[in-house]
Amino acid sequence: MKSLLFFFFIVLSVLSHYPFLSDKWEEIELFQEETEQLEKTVREKNFRLPVEGPLIFRK
């Protein structure tokens, strides 16, 4: 199990040095930040997201 984790760590560290992936990582980080901000806004405003279909026995 440790050798498998070590292998993935090596692969990720090697791939992180390629320039074409650095742009993708920045996009992923920006997307994660936007998602976290949206989740925070939804929690603060206590939005009710629309649910498709009939609501049965809602308390």
N, C-alpha and C. Protein backbone atom coordinates (compact mmCIF):
# COMPACT_ATOMS: atom_id res chain seq x y z
N MET A 1 0.83 -1.20 0.00
CA MET A 1 0.00 0.00 0.00
C MET A 1 0.87 1.25 0.00
N LYS A 2 1.92 1.25 0.82
CA LYS A 2 2.81 2.41 0.87
C LYS A 2 3.52 2.60 -0.46
N SER A 3 3.89 1.50 -1.09
CA SER A 3 4.59 1.61 -2.38
C SER A 3 3.67 2.21 -3.44
N LEU A 4 2.38 1.89 -3.37
CA LEU A 4 1.43 2.46 -4.32
C LEU A 4 1.29 3.96 -4.11
N LEU A 5 1.19 4.39 -2.87
CA LEU A 5 1.11 5.82 -2.58
C LEU A 5 2.39 6.53 -3.01
N PHE A 6 3.51 5.91 -2.77
CA PHE A 6 4.79 6.48 -3.17
C PHE A 6 4.86 6.63 -4.68
N PHE A 7 4.37 5.62 -5.40
CA PHE A 7 4.34 5.67 -6.86
C PHE A 7 3.50 6.84 -7.35
N PHE A 8 2.31 7.01 -6.78
CA PHE A 8 1.45 8.12 -7.20
C PHE A 8 2.09 9.46 -6.86
N PHE A 9 2.78 9.53 -5.74
CA PHE A 9 3.46 10.77 -5.37
C PHE A 9 4.54 11.11 -6.40
N ILE A 10 5.28 10.12 -6.84
CA ILE A 10 6.32 10.34 -7.84
C ILE A 10 5.70 10.78 -9.16
N VAL A 11 4.65 10.10 -9.57
CA VAL A 11 3.99 10.45 -10.83
C VAL A 11 3.46 11.89 -10.78
N LEU A 12 2.82 12.25 -9.69
CA LEU A 12 2.29 13.61 -9.57
C LEU A 12 3.40 14.64 -9.53
N SER A 13 4.47 14.35 -8.84
CA SER A 13 5.57 15.31 -8.77
C SER A 13 6.23 15.49 -10.14
N VAL A 14 6.34 14.42 -10.91
CA VAL A 14 6.92 14.53 -12.26
C VAL A 14 5.97 15.31 -13.17
N LEU A 15 4.70 14.99 -13.11
CA LEU A 15 3.73 15.67 -13.97
C LEU A 15 3.58 17.14 -13.62
N SER A 16 3.78 17.48 -12.37
CA SER A 16 3.59 18.87 -11.96
C SER A 16 4.66 19.79 -12.55
N HIS A 17 5.75 19.22 -13.06
CA HIS A 17 6.81 20.04 -13.65
C HIS A 17 6.56 20.38 -15.11
N TYR A 18 5.57 19.75 -15.72
CA TYR A 18 5.28 20.05 -17.12
C TYR A 18 4.45 21.33 -17.19
N PRO A 19 4.83 22.27 -18.07
CA PRO A 19 4.15 23.57 -18.12
C PRO A 19 2.70 23.50 -18.58
N PHE A 20 2.35 22.54 -19.44
CA PHE A 20 0.97 22.47 -19.91
C PHE A 20 0.01 22.08 -18.80
N LEU A 21 0.52 21.44 -17.76
CA LEU A 21 -0.36 21.07 -16.65
C LEU A 21 -0.48 22.19 -15.63
N SER A 22 0.49 23.09 -15.58
CA SER A 22 0.43 24.15 -14.58
C SER A 22 -0.78 25.05 -14.80
N ASP A 23 -1.12 25.31 -16.08
CA ASP A 23 -2.30 26.12 -16.37
C ASP A 23 -3.56 25.40 -15.91
N LYS A 24 -3.61 24.12 -16.12
CA LYS A 24 -4.79 23.34 -15.70
C LYS A 24 -4.92 23.35 -14.18
N TRP A 25 -3.80 23.25 -13.47
CA TRP A 25 -3.85 23.27 -12.01
C TRP A 25 -4.39 24.61 -11.52
N GLU A 26 -3.98 25.70 -12.18
CA GLU A 26 -4.48 27.02 -11.80
C GLU A 26 -5.98 27.11 -12.03
N GLU A 27 -6.44 26.56 -13.17
CA GLU A 27 -7.88 26.56 -13.46
C GLU A 27 -8.63 25.74 -12.41
N ILE A 28 -8.08 24.60 -12.05
CA ILE A 28 -8.73 23.75 -11.05
C ILE A 28 -8.80 24.46 -9.71
N GLU A 29 -7.70 25.12 -9.31
CA GLU A 29 -7.70 25.85 -8.04
C GLU A 29 -8.71 26.98 -8.05
N LEU A 30 -8.79 27.72 -9.17
CA LEU A 30 -9.78 28.80 -9.28
C LEU A 30 -11.19 28.25 -9.19
N PHE A 31 -11.44 27.12 -9.87
CA PHE A 31 -12.76 26.51 -9.84
C PHE A 31 -13.12 26.07 -8.43
N GLN A 32 -12.14 25.50 -7.70
CA GLN A 32 -12.40 25.08 -6.33
C GLN A 32 -12.71 26.28 -5.44
N GLU A 33 -11.98 27.39 -5.63
CA GLU A 33 -12.24 28.59 -4.84
C GLU A 33 -13.64 29.13 -5.12
N GLU A 34 -14.03 29.16 -6.41
CA GLU A 34 -15.36 29.64 -6.77
C GLU A 34 -16.43 28.73 -6.17
N THR A 35 -16.20 27.43 -6.22
CA THR A 35 -17.17 26.48 -5.67
C THR A 35 -17.31 26.67 -4.16
N GLU A 36 -16.19 26.84 -3.47
CA GLU A 36 -16.24 27.07 -2.02
C GLU A 36 -16.99 28.35 -1.70
N GLN A 37 -16.76 29.40 -2.50
CA GLN A 37 -17.45 30.67 -2.28
C GLN A 37 -18.95 30.51 -2.49
N LEU A 38 -19.33 29.78 -3.53
CA LEU A 38 -20.76 29.54 -3.78
C LEU A 38 -21.39 28.75 -2.65
N GLU A 39 -20.70 27.72 -2.17
CA GLU A 39 -21.23 26.93 -1.05
C GLU A 39 -21.40 27.80 0.19
N LYS A 40 -20.44 28.67 0.43
CA LYS A 40 -20.52 29.56 1.58
C LYS A 40 -21.71 30.51 1.44
N THR A 41 -21.91 31.05 0.24
CA THR A 41 -23.03 31.95 0.00
C THR A 41 -24.35 31.23 0.20
N VAL A 42 -24.44 30.01 -0.30
CA VAL A 42 -25.68 29.23 -0.15
C VAL A 42 -25.96 28.98 1.32
N ARG A 43 -24.92 28.65 2.10
CA ARG A 43 -25.11 28.42 3.53
C ARG A 43 -25.54 29.69 4.25
N GLU A 44 -24.92 30.81 3.89
CA GLU A 44 -25.25 32.07 4.56
C GLU A 44 -26.67 32.51 4.25
N LYS A 45 -27.07 32.38 2.99
CA LYS A 45 -28.40 32.85 2.57
C LYS A 45 -29.47 31.80 2.84
N ASN A 46 -29.05 30.57 3.12
CA ASN A 46 -29.97 29.46 3.36
C ASN A 46 -30.94 29.28 2.20
N PHE A 47 -30.38 29.22 1.00
CA PHE A 47 -31.19 29.04 -0.20
C PHE A 47 -31.82 27.66 -0.20
N ARG A 48 -33.01 27.59 -0.74
CA ARG A 48 -33.65 26.29 -0.98
C ARG A 48 -33.48 25.99 -2.46
N LEU A 49 -32.74 24.95 -2.76
CA LEU A 49 -32.54 24.60 -4.15
C LEU A 49 -33.79 23.91 -4.67
N PRO A 50 -34.15 24.19 -5.92
CA PRO A 50 -35.37 23.57 -6.46
C PRO A 50 -35.22 22.05 -6.58
N VAL A 51 -36.28 21.37 -6.24
CA VAL A 51 -36.29 19.91 -6.29
C VAL A 51 -37.30 19.50 -7.35
N GLU A 52 -36.85 18.65 -8.26
CA GLU A 52 -37.78 18.19 -9.28
C GLU A 52 -38.64 17.07 -8.72
N GLY A 53 -39.89 17.06 -9.15
CA GLY A 53 -40.80 16.04 -8.68
C GLY A 53 -41.59 16.51 -7.48
N PRO A 54 -42.60 15.76 -7.10
CA PRO A 54 -43.45 16.16 -5.97
C PRO A 54 -42.74 15.99 -4.63
N LEU A 55 -43.01 16.90 -3.72
CA LEU A 55 -42.49 16.78 -2.36
C LEU A 55 -43.55 16.09 -1.51
N ILE A 56 -43.18 14.99 -0.92
CA ILE A 56 -44.14 14.21 -0.14
C ILE A 56 -43.71 14.21 1.31
N PHE A 57 -44.65 14.49 2.19
CA PHE A 57 -44.43 14.44 3.64
C PHE A 57 -43.26 15.32 4.07
N ARG A 58 -43.30 16.55 3.65
CA ARG A 58 -42.23 17.46 4.04
C ARG A 58 -42.59 18.10 5.37
N LYS A 59 -41.67 18.01 6.34
CA LYS A 59 -41.93 18.57 7.66
C LYS A 59 -41.56 20.03 7.68
